[in-house]
Amino acid sequence: MRSKKHTLVIVMLALLAGVAIWWLKPGKGLLHDAPRHLPWAVPDYRPATSTHRVLPDGRILIEITHLPLIGIRPEMLAWWYQKLPVSAVEVSGVQYPFYHLFHPTEHGRIRVVEQASDGAPGMGVGALVEREEWFGPFDSKGAGRIVQFSAAGMTVVPEVAGLRFGEIRHVFETTAEGTQYRVVSIIGVEWPLIGGLVNALIRRTMYSEPMLKEWTRHQIEEVGMLQHFLPALYRSKPQGDLYRLQFPLPVGVNTMSTEARGQRRSFPILSICTTFPFQYQQETT
């Protein structure tokens, strides 16, 4: 009996390892959409704070504290994410998916693969959401299961073939001016025996040091973009899932120059699944 149990454990671990190897194998590059010409600039990511480090079991912990969102309440953020995969907006006569509004140069496609438990469209508890995006030279395609969703924030679990590969927790805290938005991500697995090896593969093939920096920068930029349009979008009256915005470029928003952004993106064009030498430390971007 004990021998059968050991055999079953070995088979299960082999299956888990196979799924991990399949997930981590190099893939074809994503189709990159042309940059959107929106009436505002990408915010400067540098004043926000972020750290990342490797936990004792090899998983990666990433923490981001975004700049305060002035005039944006937590329920507005929950509304935005719920609508994100299913709505579009017309800006000065040009129609865009919400996802393209979220980041003007690094978002491709997003869709709901499995509906929320309550059957509501968009993001909600139980929904499986698949997205394609890129962070500078790094392509990223994957799906996440929404396990918690409210005006206080949401928790998304990266999922492959029903297996979990960490969690990404978004926290929305009410302030006198609006919202303090924080993100705590843990990337990796807690599997017995082979978990350390799988986490090492994840760090080497998917979340190298350069990729982590670009991903962090991307997250800060997209959340900063909300300051430009979310209050007006939230107040607008849609026709079905189509919203309309018509307003001039905001004044006084902290943005980066094209030159500064060009200096930052000095890596060659490579797939997300490319091996890099890496050294992890807790650091502020």
Protein backbone atom coordinates (compact mmCIF):
# COMPACT_ATOMS: atom_id res chain seq x y z
CA MET A 1 0.00 0.00 0.00
CA ARG A 2 2.80 2.36 0.93
CA SER A 3 4.55 1.60 -2.36
CA LYS A 4 1.35 2.49 -4.29
CA LYS A 5 1.09 5.81 -2.41
CA HIS A 6 4.71 6.64 -3.22
CA THR A 7 4.10 5.80 -6.87
CA LEU A 8 1.01 8.03 -6.93
CA VAL A 9 2.97 10.91 -5.37
CA ILE A 10 5.74 10.52 -7.96
CA VAL A 11 3.22 10.48 -10.81
CA MET A 12 1.47 13.60 -9.48
CA LEU A 13 4.78 15.43 -9.08
CA ALA A 14 5.77 14.43 -12.60
CA LEU A 15 2.48 15.81 -13.92
CA LEU A 16 2.99 19.06 -12.01
CA ALA A 17 6.52 19.34 -13.37
CA GLY A 18 5.19 18.73 -16.89
CA VAL A 19 2.63 21.51 -16.55
CA ALA A 20 5.29 23.86 -15.21
CA ILE A 21 7.68 23.07 -18.08
CA TRP A 22 4.87 23.57 -20.61
CA TRP A 23 3.97 26.94 -19.03
CA LEU A 24 7.59 28.06 -18.98
CA LYS A 25 8.54 26.97 -22.49
CA PRO A 26 9.44 29.80 -24.89
CA GLY A 27 6.48 30.99 -26.94
CA LYS A 28 5.95 32.97 -30.09
CA GLY A 29 6.06 36.74 -29.80
CA LEU A 30 2.78 38.57 -29.33
CA LEU A 31 1.21 40.78 -31.94
CA HIS A 32 2.00 44.32 -30.76
CA ASP A 33 -0.75 46.84 -31.48
CA ALA A 34 0.24 50.27 -32.73
CA PRO A 35 0.52 52.93 -29.98
CA ARG A 36 -2.69 54.83 -29.30
CA HIS A 37 -2.66 58.58 -29.84
CA LEU A 38 -4.44 59.73 -26.71
CA PRO A 39 -4.79 63.33 -25.50
CA TRP A 40 -2.52 62.81 -22.48
CA ALA A 41 0.99 61.57 -21.71
CA VAL A 42 2.14 58.48 -19.80
CA PRO A 43 2.77 59.44 -16.15
CA ASP A 44 6.26 59.38 -14.66
CA TYR A 45 6.59 56.06 -12.80
CA ARG A 46 9.68 57.07 -10.80
CA PRO A 47 8.11 58.83 -7.77
CA ALA A 48 6.12 55.68 -6.80
CA THR A 49 7.81 53.09 -4.55
CA SER A 50 8.40 49.41 -5.24
CA THR A 51 10.49 46.53 -3.89
CA HIS A 52 11.03 42.93 -4.88
CA ARG A 53 12.85 40.04 -3.22
CA VAL A 54 13.08 36.26 -3.22
CA LEU A 55 11.35 34.43 -0.37
CA PRO A 56 13.04 31.45 1.37
CA ASP A 57 11.05 28.98 -0.76
CA GLY A 58 12.13 30.69 -4.00
CA ARG A 59 8.92 32.57 -4.75
CA ILE A 60 9.17 36.27 -5.63
CA LEU A 61 7.51 38.96 -3.52
CA ILE A 62 6.81 42.27 -5.30
CA GLU A 63 5.28 45.25 -3.46
CA ILE A 64 4.17 48.50 -5.11
CA THR A 65 2.77 51.63 -3.49
CA HIS A 66 1.31 53.79 -6.22
CA LEU A 67 1.13 57.57 -6.02
CA PRO A 68 -2.13 58.75 -4.40
CA LEU A 69 -5.08 58.81 -6.80
CA ILE A 70 -6.66 62.23 -6.23
CA GLY A 71 -10.40 62.43 -6.83
CA ILE A 72 -10.70 58.68 -7.49
CA ARG A 73 -12.64 56.69 -4.88
CA PRO A 74 -12.18 52.92 -4.28
CA GLU A 75 -15.62 52.11 -5.73
CA MET A 76 -14.54 53.83 -8.96
CA LEU A 77 -11.54 51.51 -9.19
CA ALA A 78 -13.76 48.45 -8.64
CA TRP A 79 -16.12 49.74 -11.36
CA TRP A 80 -13.18 50.25 -13.75
CA TYR A 81 -11.83 46.72 -13.31
CA GLN A 82 -15.28 45.14 -13.59
CA LYS A 83 -15.81 46.93 -16.92
CA LEU A 84 -12.23 46.56 -18.20
CA PRO A 85 -12.59 43.37 -20.32
CA VAL A 86 -16.03 44.14 -21.78
CA SER A 87 -16.30 47.88 -22.46
CA ALA A 88 -15.05 50.41 -25.01
CA VAL A 89 -14.71 54.17 -25.07
CA GLU A 90 -14.76 56.79 -27.80
CA VAL A 91 -12.15 59.50 -27.22
CA SER A 92 -12.37 62.49 -29.54
CA GLY A 93 -14.13 60.39 -32.15
CA VAL A 94 -11.82 57.33 -31.99
CA GLN A 95 -13.03 54.12 -30.35
CA TYR A 96 -10.77 52.07 -28.05
CA PRO A 97 -11.26 49.06 -25.78
CA PHE A 98 -10.95 50.09 -22.12
CA TYR A 99 -7.79 47.96 -22.03
CA HIS A 100 -6.10 50.16 -24.65
CA LEU A 101 -6.98 53.24 -22.63
CA PHE A 102 -5.32 51.70 -19.54
CA HIS A 103 -1.89 51.77 -21.22
CA PRO A 104 -1.42 53.50 -24.60
CA THR A 105 1.56 51.48 -25.85
CA GLU A 106 1.81 48.14 -24.01
CA HIS A 107 -1.67 46.57 -23.91
CA GLY A 108 -2.96 44.14 -26.51
CA ARG A 109 -6.03 42.04 -25.74
CA ILE A 110 -8.06 41.05 -22.69
CA ARG A 111 -11.06 38.73 -22.48
CA VAL A 112 -13.14 36.79 -19.96
CA VAL A 113 -12.57 33.07 -20.53
CA GLU A 114 -14.94 31.95 -17.77
CA GLN A 115 -17.69 34.15 -16.37
CA ALA A 116 -17.92 35.31 -12.77
CA SER A 117 -19.80 33.04 -10.37
CA ASP A 118 -22.84 35.34 -10.36
CA GLY A 119 -22.99 35.38 -14.17
CA ALA A 120 -22.29 39.12 -14.40
CA PRO A 121 -20.18 40.29 -17.37
CA GLY A 122 -16.60 41.47 -16.85
CA MET A 123 -14.41 40.90 -13.83
CA GLY A 124 -15.93 39.42 -10.69
CA VAL A 125 -15.34 36.62 -8.21
CA GLY A 126 -14.82 33.35 -10.06
CA ALA A 127 -14.04 34.89 -13.45
CA LEU A 128 -11.00 33.66 -15.39
CA VAL A 129 -9.50 36.57 -17.32
CA GLU A 130 -6.89 36.17 -20.05
CA ARG A 131 -4.68 39.06 -21.22
CA GLU A 132 -1.87 39.83 -23.66
CA GLU A 133 0.48 42.71 -22.90
CA TRP A 134 4.17 43.58 -22.95
CA PHE A 135 6.57 45.39 -20.69
CA GLY A 136 9.17 47.10 -22.84
CA PRO A 137 10.89 44.18 -24.64
CA PHE A 138 9.13 41.46 -22.60
CA ASP A 139 5.95 39.79 -23.85
CA SER A 140 3.43 38.52 -21.30
CA LYS A 141 0.39 36.31 -21.94
CA GLY A 142 -1.56 34.52 -19.24
CA ALA A 143 -4.79 34.06 -17.34
CA GLY A 144 -5.82 34.91 -13.79
CA ARG A 145 -8.71 33.73 -11.61
CA ILE A 146 -10.50 36.46 -9.61
CA VAL A 147 -10.86 35.08 -6.07
CA GLN A 148 -11.76 38.31 -4.27
CA PHE A 149 -13.38 41.44 -5.67
CA SER A 150 -14.87 44.47 -3.91
CA ALA A 151 -14.42 48.21 -3.42
CA ALA A 152 -11.61 47.33 -0.99
CA GLY A 153 -9.59 45.68 -3.76
CA MET A 154 -9.22 42.39 -5.57
CA THR A 155 -7.06 39.28 -5.56
CA VAL A 156 -6.07 37.58 -8.81
CA VAL A 157 -4.48 34.11 -8.94
CA PRO A 158 -2.35 33.29 -12.03
CA GLU A 159 -3.70 29.95 -13.28
CA VAL A 160 -2.53 27.34 -15.79
CA ALA A 161 -4.53 24.12 -16.32
CA GLY A 162 -6.25 24.72 -12.98
CA LEU A 163 -2.95 25.06 -11.10
CA ARG A 164 -2.08 28.21 -9.17
CA PHE A 165 1.20 30.06 -9.60
CA GLY A 166 0.98 32.70 -6.84
CA GLU A 167 -1.37 35.63 -6.26
CA ILE A 168 -1.62 39.34 -7.02
CA ARG A 169 -3.45 41.35 -4.37
CA HIS A 170 -4.72 44.87 -5.15
CA VAL A 171 -5.61 46.99 -2.12
CA PHE A 172 -7.70 50.18 -2.37
CA GLU A 173 -7.64 52.38 0.76
CA THR A 174 -9.85 55.46 1.12
CA THR A 175 -8.02 58.72 1.86
CA ALA A 176 -9.21 62.30 2.35
CA GLU A 177 -8.16 63.11 -1.25
CA GLY A 178 -9.18 59.85 -2.97
CA THR A 179 -7.46 56.45 -2.85
CA GLN A 180 -4.14 54.93 -1.86
CA TYR A 181 -3.56 51.98 -4.18
CA ARG A 182 -1.12 49.19 -3.25
CA VAL A 183 -0.27 45.90 -4.96
CA VAL A 184 1.34 42.88 -3.28
CA SER A 185 2.29 40.06 -5.67
CA ILE A 186 3.72 36.63 -4.87
CA ILE A 187 4.90 34.72 -7.93
CA GLY A 188 5.70 31.00 -7.72
CA VAL A 189 4.44 27.73 -6.25
CA GLU A 190 4.44 25.98 -2.88
CA TRP A 191 4.60 22.45 -4.25
CA PRO A 192 6.39 19.77 -2.20
CA LEU A 193 9.77 18.46 -3.35
CA ILE A 194 9.86 20.16 -6.76
CA GLY A 195 8.56 23.63 -5.74
CA GLY A 196 12.05 25.09 -5.31
CA LEU A 197 13.12 23.88 -8.74
CA VAL A 198 9.98 25.23 -10.42
CA ASN A 199 10.42 28.60 -8.69
CA ALA A 200 14.03 28.75 -9.87
CA LEU A 201 12.83 28.11 -13.43
CA ILE A 202 10.19 30.83 -13.07
CA ARG A 203 12.81 33.33 -11.89
CA ARG A 204 15.20 32.43 -14.66
CA THR A 205 12.87 32.07 -17.65
CA MET A 206 9.97 34.45 -16.90
CA TYR A 207 10.76 36.88 -14.09
CA SER A 208 14.38 37.87 -14.57
CA GLU A 209 15.70 41.02 -12.93
CA PRO A 210 15.28 43.18 -16.07
CA MET A 211 11.75 41.85 -16.61
CA LEU A 212 10.72 42.57 -13.00
CA LYS A 213 11.85 46.17 -13.36
CA GLU A 214 9.92 46.60 -16.61
CA TRP A 215 6.79 44.94 -15.18
CA THR A 216 6.89 47.18 -12.12
CA ARG A 217 7.33 50.26 -14.29
CA HIS A 218 4.40 49.16 -16.47
CA GLN A 219 2.08 48.66 -13.48
CA ILE A 220 2.88 52.10 -12.06
CA GLU A 221 2.31 53.75 -15.43
CA GLU A 222 -1.07 52.12 -16.04
CA VAL A 223 -2.44 52.99 -12.60
CA GLY A 224 -1.14 56.55 -13.03
CA MET A 225 -3.06 56.75 -16.32
CA LEU A 226 -6.35 56.48 -14.41
CA GLN A 227 -5.88 60.00 -13.07
CA HIS A 228 -6.33 61.33 -16.61
CA PHE A 229 -9.70 59.84 -17.47
CA LEU A 230 -11.37 57.68 -14.79
CA PRO A 231 -13.38 60.41 -12.97
CA ALA A 232 -14.88 61.65 -16.26
CA LEU A 233 -15.43 58.11 -17.56
CA TYR A 234 -17.17 57.05 -14.34
CA ARG A 235 -19.60 59.98 -14.61
CA SER A 236 -20.37 59.46 -18.32
CA LYS A 237 -23.54 57.81 -19.61
CA PRO A 238 -22.86 54.82 -21.91
CA GLN A 239 -24.79 53.39 -24.81
CA GLY A 240 -24.62 49.72 -23.90
CA ASP A 241 -20.92 49.06 -23.22
CA LEU A 242 -19.71 52.03 -25.26
CA TYR A 243 -18.70 55.20 -23.40
CA ARG A 244 -17.70 58.61 -24.81
CA LEU A 245 -15.15 61.14 -23.58
CA GLN A 246 -14.53 64.59 -24.99
CA PHE A 247 -12.12 66.80 -23.09
CA PRO A 248 -8.73 68.52 -23.56
CA LEU A 249 -5.34 67.36 -22.36
CA PRO A 250 -5.07 67.69 -18.55
CA VAL A 251 -2.62 70.32 -17.34
CA GLY A 252 0.03 69.89 -14.66
CA VAL A 253 0.25 66.08 -14.72
CA ASN A 254 3.69 64.66 -13.90
CA THR A 255 4.87 62.94 -17.10
CA MET A 256 8.09 61.56 -18.59
CA SER A 257 9.73 62.94 -21.68
CA THR A 258 10.19 60.76 -24.76
CA GLU A 259 13.96 60.96 -24.27
CA ALA A 260 13.79 59.68 -20.70
CA ARG A 261 11.55 56.78 -21.73
CA GLY A 262 13.89 55.92 -24.60
CA GLN A 263 16.89 55.79 -22.26
CA ARG A 264 15.02 53.46 -19.94
CA ARG A 265 14.18 50.93 -22.65
CA SER A 266 17.64 49.91 -23.76
CA PHE A 267 17.12 46.12 -23.78
CA PRO A 268 17.08 44.16 -27.06
CA ILE A 269 13.72 42.90 -28.34
CA LEU A 270 13.39 39.46 -26.71
CA SER A 271 10.62 37.11 -25.64
CA ILE A 272 9.49 37.01 -22.03
CA CYS A 273 10.84 33.44 -21.90
CA THR A 274 14.49 34.39 -22.45
CA THR A 275 17.20 33.46 -19.98
CA PHE A 276 19.04 36.27 -18.22
CA PRO A 277 21.70 36.18 -15.50
CA PHE A 278 20.02 37.44 -12.36
CA GLN A 279 20.73 38.73 -8.88
CA TYR A 280 17.78 39.51 -6.66
CA GLN A 281 17.88 42.11 -3.94
CA GLN A 282 15.29 44.18 -2.19
CA GLU A 283 15.46 47.47 -3.98
CA THR A 284 13.44 50.56 -4.75
CA THR A 285 12.75 51.39 -8.38
